[in-house]
Amino acid sequence: MQEFLTHLHKQVKGLKVKLSLQKYCLILLISSFTQISSAADGMVTLTWENDMFSNSDGQYTNGIGFNYAAPLGSRFKREDTPAPIFWFIEGSDFATQSGKRRGISYRFGQAMFTPEDITQENLITDDRPYAGLLIWDATLISFDDTVSDRWAFSLGLVGPATFAEDVQAGIHGATGSDEPLGWDNQLSNEPVFRIEREILFRAFEFELNPSFGMDFLTFASLGAGNLSSSAEAGISVRIGHSLDQTYPNFSSFPVRSPNYLAGRSAHWQIFASRAKSYVFNDVTLDGNTFTDSHSVDIINDRLFSVLGITVGFQSWSIMLSYQESSKTFRTQAEDSSYGALSISALW
């Protein structure tokens, strides 16, 4: 009886921690919508990323996200921007240089990472840790006809409070997939953050007519935080409509940064990206920062490729993409891949 009461106390205590951390994330999300509630127009996007598209079930295995992008303007408005972020950029060239258009978007999402074999209850020491992630992002963009400059601020948490175990168990139960049994070995609860700066150049463009053509983009980014720290550089090629309008918000992970600049005209685009990154740390591989946890030896140098298509009509657009990445840790059996789908609506 005493053992049962002790176990029950631990479960209740754990649930309280989960709920308090989730309340923190919910406050961030509500705060974002409070900031942008006065906007007359914007874009909302639902995103789903899953390794099912590549016929696998491990590594980065699932991600869902909700994105809101506020309308563009010539400056960042204090009422549309979280106070700490506005203080960070206030007075800088990023916020004040003339001849630029500016905008802000918010994203809230969940991601889960698992080893390849999810049917084992015991710790798999040579495969990546189980990890759930809840994340809130604010991305600010300042751009002209050839250069797009971005700051991204991310806050979130890893651990049981993300309810990644429950989500995966529910999905696998509904689809008849293998039951995930190893989540008792997941990372402990830990707040995470990351700050990133990215610059994108529209290096070349070729127009077949005023609304259709091809362009060549180069990009570089530097990010730091206990979530992850990395440096990245790459190139992208796009063919299709509305390239002039949409280049500023293009991303090396385009499905996570829905392109709200295309407007309501009918359009389609095909894109391909290739990038190299150097990853200094990654909490989902290195394990918890301040407590003991399972970890693996990361591979710092990485390559990844993305291929995708976007189709838009009136207020709606849909994006499909496929990404392949080189190995991210030394005992990883093979390269990883996943597909993604996003559906966006202007309102």
Protein backbone atom coordinates (compact mmCIF):
# COMPACT_ATOMS: atom_id res chain seq x y z
CA MET A 1 0.00 0.00 0.00
CA GLN A 2 2.83 2.37 0.90
CA GLU A 3 4.53 1.70 -2.45
CA PHE A 4 1.27 2.43 -4.28
CA LEU A 5 0.84 5.75 -2.44
CA THR A 6 4.45 6.71 -3.15
CA HIS A 7 4.00 5.90 -6.84
CA LEU A 8 0.72 7.87 -6.93
CA HIS A 9 2.42 10.87 -5.30
CA LYS A 10 5.16 10.83 -7.94
CA GLN A 11 2.59 10.65 -10.73
CA VAL A 12 0.60 13.58 -9.33
CA LYS A 13 3.77 15.61 -8.81
CA GLY A 14 4.87 14.86 -12.36
CA LEU A 15 1.48 15.88 -13.72
CA LYS A 16 1.69 19.19 -11.83
CA VAL A 17 5.08 19.88 -13.42
CA LYS A 18 3.69 19.03 -16.86
CA LEU A 19 0.70 21.31 -16.40
CA SER A 20 2.76 24.23 -15.08
CA LEU A 21 5.21 24.01 -17.98
CA GLN A 22 2.39 23.68 -20.50
CA LYS A 23 0.71 26.70 -18.92
CA TYR A 24 3.95 28.62 -19.58
CA CYS A 25 3.85 27.64 -23.28
CA LEU A 26 0.14 28.47 -23.50
CA ILE A 27 0.82 31.93 -22.09
CA LEU A 28 3.43 32.49 -24.81
CA LEU A 29 0.98 31.40 -27.50
CA ILE A 30 -1.86 33.57 -26.18
CA SER A 31 0.55 36.48 -25.82
CA SER A 32 1.48 36.13 -29.49
CA PHE A 33 -2.14 36.37 -30.60
CA THR A 34 -2.74 39.27 -28.22
CA GLN A 35 0.11 41.10 -29.92
CA ILE A 36 -1.33 40.57 -33.42
CA SER A 37 -5.04 40.71 -32.72
CA SER A 38 -5.33 44.20 -34.23
CA ALA A 39 -4.04 43.07 -37.62
CA ALA A 40 -6.50 43.46 -40.48
CA ASP A 41 -4.98 40.72 -42.61
CA GLY A 42 -2.49 37.90 -42.21
CA MET A 43 -1.85 34.22 -42.87
CA VAL A 44 -2.46 31.12 -40.79
CA THR A 45 -0.75 27.81 -41.53
CA LEU A 46 -1.00 24.24 -40.28
CA THR A 47 2.08 22.07 -40.77
CA TRP A 48 2.72 18.35 -40.47
CA GLU A 49 6.15 16.72 -40.77
CA ASN A 50 6.54 12.94 -40.55
CA ASP A 51 9.02 10.21 -41.49
CA MET A 52 6.09 8.11 -42.69
CA PHE A 53 6.62 9.79 -46.07
CA SER A 54 10.04 8.13 -46.25
CA ASN A 55 8.80 4.73 -44.99
CA SER A 56 10.72 4.87 -41.71
CA ASP A 57 9.94 5.39 -38.03
CA GLY A 58 12.80 6.90 -36.08
CA GLN A 59 15.08 9.92 -35.58
CA TYR A 60 12.96 13.02 -36.25
CA THR A 61 9.71 11.12 -36.46
CA ASN A 62 6.88 13.68 -36.24
CA GLY A 63 6.24 17.40 -36.02
CA ILE A 64 3.11 19.53 -36.01
CA GLY A 65 2.92 23.31 -36.00
CA PHE A 66 0.64 26.32 -36.21
CA ASN A 67 1.94 29.57 -37.72
CA TYR A 68 0.52 33.09 -37.86
CA ALA A 69 2.11 35.82 -39.99
CA ALA A 70 1.04 39.43 -39.48
CA PRO A 71 0.71 41.88 -42.40
CA LEU A 72 3.82 43.65 -43.67
CA GLY A 73 4.69 47.27 -42.98
CA SER A 74 7.57 49.72 -43.18
CA ARG A 75 8.47 49.28 -39.51
CA PHE A 76 8.06 46.92 -36.58
CA LYS A 77 5.15 48.11 -34.47
CA ARG A 78 5.56 48.05 -30.71
CA GLU A 79 2.01 46.75 -30.30
CA ASP A 80 2.68 43.82 -32.69
CA THR A 81 6.02 42.76 -31.18
CA PRO A 82 6.71 41.11 -27.79
CA ALA A 83 8.34 43.70 -25.53
CA PRO A 84 11.69 41.91 -24.97
CA ILE A 85 12.12 41.38 -28.72
CA PHE A 86 11.17 44.98 -29.52
CA TRP A 87 13.73 46.16 -26.96
CA PHE A 88 16.35 43.89 -28.57
CA ILE A 89 15.91 45.33 -32.08
CA GLU A 90 14.89 48.91 -31.24
CA GLY A 91 17.21 51.48 -32.81
CA SER A 92 19.18 48.92 -34.84
CA ASP A 93 19.69 49.12 -38.62
CA PHE A 94 17.58 45.98 -38.85
CA ALA A 95 14.61 47.94 -37.51
CA THR A 96 15.29 51.45 -38.81
CA GLN A 97 17.09 51.31 -42.18
CA SER A 98 15.00 53.08 -44.82
CA GLY A 99 13.69 51.41 -47.96
CA LYS A 100 12.88 48.13 -46.21
CA ARG A 101 9.64 46.24 -45.71
CA ARG A 102 9.15 44.44 -42.43
CA GLY A 103 6.99 41.76 -40.86
CA ILE A 104 6.69 39.33 -37.96
CA SER A 105 5.35 35.79 -37.68
CA TYR A 106 4.77 33.38 -34.82
CA ARG A 107 4.84 29.61 -34.68
CA PHE A 108 3.88 27.11 -31.99
CA GLY A 109 4.66 23.46 -32.50
CA GLN A 110 5.51 20.05 -31.13
CA ALA A 111 8.21 17.68 -32.34
CA MET A 112 9.31 14.21 -31.30
CA PHE A 113 12.52 12.27 -31.73
CA THR A 114 12.92 8.52 -31.19
CA PRO A 115 15.42 5.73 -31.84
CA GLU A 116 14.80 3.45 -34.81
CA ASP A 117 13.45 0.57 -32.71
CA ILE A 118 10.57 1.90 -30.61
CA THR A 119 9.42 -1.59 -29.52
CA GLN A 120 12.21 -1.95 -26.91
CA GLU A 121 11.50 -0.87 -23.34
CA ASN A 122 15.14 -0.88 -22.30
CA LEU A 123 17.50 1.99 -23.05
CA ILE A 124 19.13 1.68 -26.49
CA THR A 125 22.55 3.12 -25.73
CA ASP A 126 23.82 3.42 -29.31
CA ASP A 127 20.75 5.24 -30.68
CA ARG A 128 19.44 8.73 -30.04
CA PRO A 129 17.41 9.59 -26.92
CA TYR A 130 13.65 9.78 -26.85
CA ALA A 131 12.84 13.49 -26.79
CA GLY A 132 9.70 15.58 -27.04
CA LEU A 133 9.85 19.28 -27.85
CA LEU A 134 7.31 22.08 -27.49
CA ILE A 135 8.49 25.27 -29.18
CA TRP A 136 7.35 28.87 -29.68
CA ASP A 137 9.07 30.97 -32.35
CA ALA A 138 8.92 34.64 -33.24
CA THR A 139 10.55 35.51 -36.58
CA LEU A 140 11.17 39.08 -37.72
CA ILE A 141 11.99 39.89 -41.34
CA SER A 142 13.41 43.05 -42.95
CA PHE A 143 13.98 43.04 -46.71
CA ASP A 144 14.32 44.89 -50.00
CA ASP A 145 14.49 43.65 -53.60
CA THR A 146 17.67 41.58 -53.19
CA VAL A 147 18.47 41.04 -49.49
CA SER A 148 16.31 39.50 -46.76
CA ASP A 149 17.45 39.78 -43.15
CA ARG A 150 15.85 37.74 -40.35
CA TRP A 151 15.99 37.33 -36.59
CA ALA A 152 14.33 34.29 -35.01
CA PHE A 153 13.71 33.84 -31.28
CA SER A 154 12.70 30.42 -29.93
CA LEU A 155 11.51 29.40 -26.46
CA GLY A 156 10.25 26.02 -25.39
CA LEU A 157 10.89 22.88 -23.41
CA VAL A 158 11.90 19.27 -23.77
CA GLY A 159 10.77 16.40 -21.60
CA PRO A 160 7.60 14.59 -20.47
CA ALA A 161 5.71 17.90 -20.18
CA THR A 162 5.57 18.04 -23.98
CA PHE A 163 3.26 14.99 -23.98
CA ALA A 164 5.12 13.64 -27.02
CA GLU A 165 4.77 10.11 -25.62
CA ASP A 166 0.99 10.45 -25.43
CA VAL A 167 0.74 11.89 -28.93
CA GLN A 168 2.85 9.15 -30.50
CA ALA A 169 1.04 6.41 -28.59
CA GLY A 170 -2.32 7.82 -29.69
CA ILE A 171 -1.32 8.09 -33.35
CA HIS A 172 0.21 4.61 -33.43
CA GLY A 173 -2.83 3.16 -31.69
CA ALA A 174 -5.17 4.76 -34.22
CA THR A 175 -3.11 3.62 -37.22
CA GLY A 176 -2.26 0.13 -35.95
CA SER A 177 1.47 0.90 -35.88
CA ASP A 178 4.00 -0.47 -33.37
CA GLU A 179 3.40 0.65 -29.80
CA PRO A 180 6.24 2.93 -28.62
CA LEU A 181 7.59 1.33 -25.44
CA GLY A 182 10.79 3.22 -24.64
CA TRP A 183 9.54 6.65 -23.58
CA ASP A 184 10.50 5.99 -19.94
CA ASN A 185 14.04 6.71 -21.15
CA GLN A 186 13.24 10.17 -22.56
CA LEU A 187 14.99 13.40 -21.64
CA SER A 188 13.91 15.16 -18.44
CA ASN A 189 11.96 18.42 -18.43
CA GLU A 190 14.18 21.37 -19.35
CA PRO A 191 13.43 24.87 -20.71
CA VAL A 192 15.22 25.55 -24.00
CA PHE A 193 15.93 28.61 -26.12
CA ARG A 194 17.65 29.62 -29.35
CA ILE A 195 18.39 32.95 -31.06
CA GLU A 196 19.18 32.91 -34.78
CA ARG A 197 20.22 35.44 -37.42
CA GLU A 198 19.81 34.58 -41.11
CA ILE A 199 20.62 36.56 -44.25
CA LEU A 200 19.37 35.57 -47.69
CA PHE A 201 20.57 37.03 -51.02
CA ARG A 202 18.71 36.87 -54.31
CA ALA A 203 21.82 36.39 -56.40
CA PHE A 204 20.30 35.76 -59.83
CA GLU A 205 16.91 35.92 -61.53
CA PHE A 206 15.67 35.11 -65.02
CA GLU A 207 12.18 36.13 -66.12
CA LEU A 208 10.35 34.34 -68.93
CA ASN A 209 7.45 36.77 -68.48
CA PRO A 210 6.51 39.32 -65.79
CA SER A 211 5.07 36.65 -63.47
CA PHE A 212 7.05 33.50 -64.28
CA GLY A 213 10.76 32.73 -64.11
CA MET A 214 13.66 31.23 -62.20
CA ASP A 215 15.94 32.54 -59.47
CA PHE A 216 19.00 31.50 -57.49
CA LEU A 217 19.24 32.23 -53.75
CA THR A 218 22.11 31.97 -51.27
CA PHE A 219 21.66 32.01 -47.51
CA ALA A 220 23.70 31.87 -44.31
CA SER A 221 22.67 31.67 -40.67
CA LEU A 222 24.13 31.56 -37.19
CA GLY A 223 22.18 30.41 -34.14
CA ALA A 224 22.94 29.81 -30.46
CA GLY A 225 21.13 28.37 -27.44
CA ASN A 226 20.81 25.27 -25.30
CA LEU A 227 18.20 23.99 -27.79
CA SER A 228 20.90 23.99 -30.47
CA SER A 229 23.78 26.08 -31.77
CA SER A 230 24.84 25.99 -35.41
CA ALA A 231 26.25 27.77 -38.44
CA GLU A 232 24.79 27.09 -41.87
CA ALA A 233 25.19 28.13 -45.50
CA GLY A 234 23.43 26.97 -48.62
CA ILE A 235 21.87 27.62 -52.00
CA SER A 236 18.36 27.33 -53.43
CA VAL A 237 16.92 27.28 -56.93
CA ARG A 238 13.27 28.12 -57.61
CA ILE A 239 11.12 27.95 -60.74
CA GLY A 240 7.59 29.29 -60.94
CA HIS A 241 5.31 32.25 -60.35
CA SER A 242 5.56 35.21 -57.95
CA LEU A 243 9.28 34.74 -57.29
CA ASP A 244 9.81 38.48 -56.75
CA GLN A 245 7.12 38.57 -54.10
CA THR A 246 8.05 35.42 -52.21
CA TYR A 247 11.85 35.34 -52.12
CA PRO A 248 12.25 37.37 -48.87
CA ASN A 249 10.53 34.77 -46.70
CA PHE A 250 12.01 31.69 -48.35
CA SER A 251 13.75 29.38 -45.88
CA SER A 252 16.05 26.38 -45.94
CA PHE A 253 13.19 24.68 -44.05
CA PRO A 254 10.39 26.25 -46.11
CA VAL A 255 7.51 24.28 -44.64
CA ARG A 256 8.32 25.71 -41.19
CA SER A 257 8.32 29.29 -42.48
CA PRO A 258 5.18 29.52 -44.62
CA ASN A 259 5.55 32.13 -47.33
CA TYR A 260 2.89 34.71 -46.64
CA LEU A 261 4.16 37.09 -49.35
CA ALA A 262 2.62 35.40 -52.40
CA GLY A 263 -0.70 37.19 -52.05
CA ARG A 264 -3.98 35.92 -53.47
CA SER A 265 -2.95 35.33 -57.09
CA ALA A 266 -2.84 31.80 -58.51
CA HIS A 267 0.75 30.55 -58.54
CA TRP A 268 3.00 27.52 -58.30
CA GLN A 269 6.69 27.09 -57.49
CA ILE A 270 9.16 24.21 -57.49
CA PHE A 271 12.22 24.62 -55.28
CA ALA A 272 15.38 22.72 -54.38
CA SER A 273 17.91 23.54 -51.66
CA ARG A 274 21.28 22.19 -50.63
CA ALA A 275 23.01 23.31 -47.44
CA LYS A 276 25.93 22.51 -45.17
CA SER A 277 25.81 23.12 -41.45
CA TYR A 278 28.11 22.83 -38.46
CA VAL A 279 26.20 21.94 -35.29
CA PHE A 280 27.91 22.78 -32.01
CA ASN A 281 25.24 21.36 -29.70
CA ASP A 282 21.77 19.81 -29.92
CA VAL A 283 19.83 19.01 -26.76
CA THR A 284 17.91 16.18 -28.49
CA LEU A 285 21.24 14.39 -29.07
CA ASP A 286 23.52 15.74 -26.31
CA GLY A 287 20.88 15.11 -23.67
CA ASN A 288 19.84 17.37 -20.80
CA THR A 289 22.09 20.32 -20.04
CA PHE A 290 21.99 20.27 -16.24
CA THR A 291 20.93 16.71 -15.35
CA ASP A 292 22.17 13.26 -16.30
CA SER A 293 20.40 11.71 -19.27
CA HIS A 294 20.98 9.46 -22.24
CA SER A 295 23.07 11.03 -25.01
CA VAL A 296 24.96 10.16 -28.18
CA ASP A 297 28.06 11.62 -29.83
CA ILE A 298 26.88 14.17 -32.38
CA ILE A 299 28.37 14.65 -35.83
CA ASN A 300 29.12 18.34 -36.20
CA ASP A 301 29.40 18.54 -39.99
CA ARG A 302 26.14 17.87 -41.80
CA LEU A 303 24.60 18.13 -45.25
CA PHE A 304 20.93 18.29 -46.11
CA SER A 305 18.81 18.63 -49.23
CA VAL A 306 15.22 19.79 -49.68
CA LEU A 307 12.92 19.38 -52.68
CA GLY A 308 9.40 20.76 -52.76
CA ILE A 309 6.46 22.35 -54.53
CA THR A 310 4.03 25.10 -53.58
CA VAL A 311 0.64 25.67 -55.22
CA GLY A 312 -1.60 28.61 -54.41
CA PHE A 313 -5.03 29.80 -55.47
CA GLN A 314 -6.91 32.83 -54.14
CA SER A 315 -6.64 32.70 -50.32
CA TRP A 316 -5.24 29.16 -50.07
CA SER A 317 -1.89 27.51 -50.68
CA ILE A 318 -0.41 24.07 -50.10
CA MET A 319 3.23 23.05 -49.83
CA LEU A 320 4.77 19.58 -50.07
CA SER A 321 8.45 19.00 -49.40
CA TYR A 322 10.90 16.19 -48.82
CA GLN A 323 14.16 16.51 -46.88
CA GLU A 324 17.17 14.23 -46.61
CA SER A 325 19.91 14.78 -44.04
CA SER A 326 23.28 13.18 -43.50
CA LYS A 327 23.91 11.32 -40.24
CA THR A 328 23.60 13.46 -37.12
CA PHE A 329 25.38 11.19 -34.60
CA ARG A 330 28.21 8.68 -34.88
CA THR A 331 26.31 5.45 -34.25
CA GLN A 332 23.40 6.35 -36.53
CA ALA A 333 22.70 3.50 -38.92
CA GLU A 334 21.80 5.58 -41.98
CA ASP A 335 20.91 9.03 -43.23
CA SER A 336 17.52 10.36 -42.17
CA SER A 337 14.63 11.74 -44.20
CA TYR A 338 11.09 12.97 -43.78
CA GLY A 339 8.29 14.62 -45.71
CA ALA A 340 6.19 17.64 -44.86
CA LEU A 341 2.83 19.12 -45.71
CA SER A 342 1.55 22.61 -44.94
CA ILE A 343 -1.78 24.26 -45.70
CA SER A 344 -2.06 28.05 -45.50
CA ALA A 345 -4.91 30.53 -45.68
CA LEU A 346 -4.91 34.31 -45.91
CA TRP A 347 -7.43 36.10 -43.74
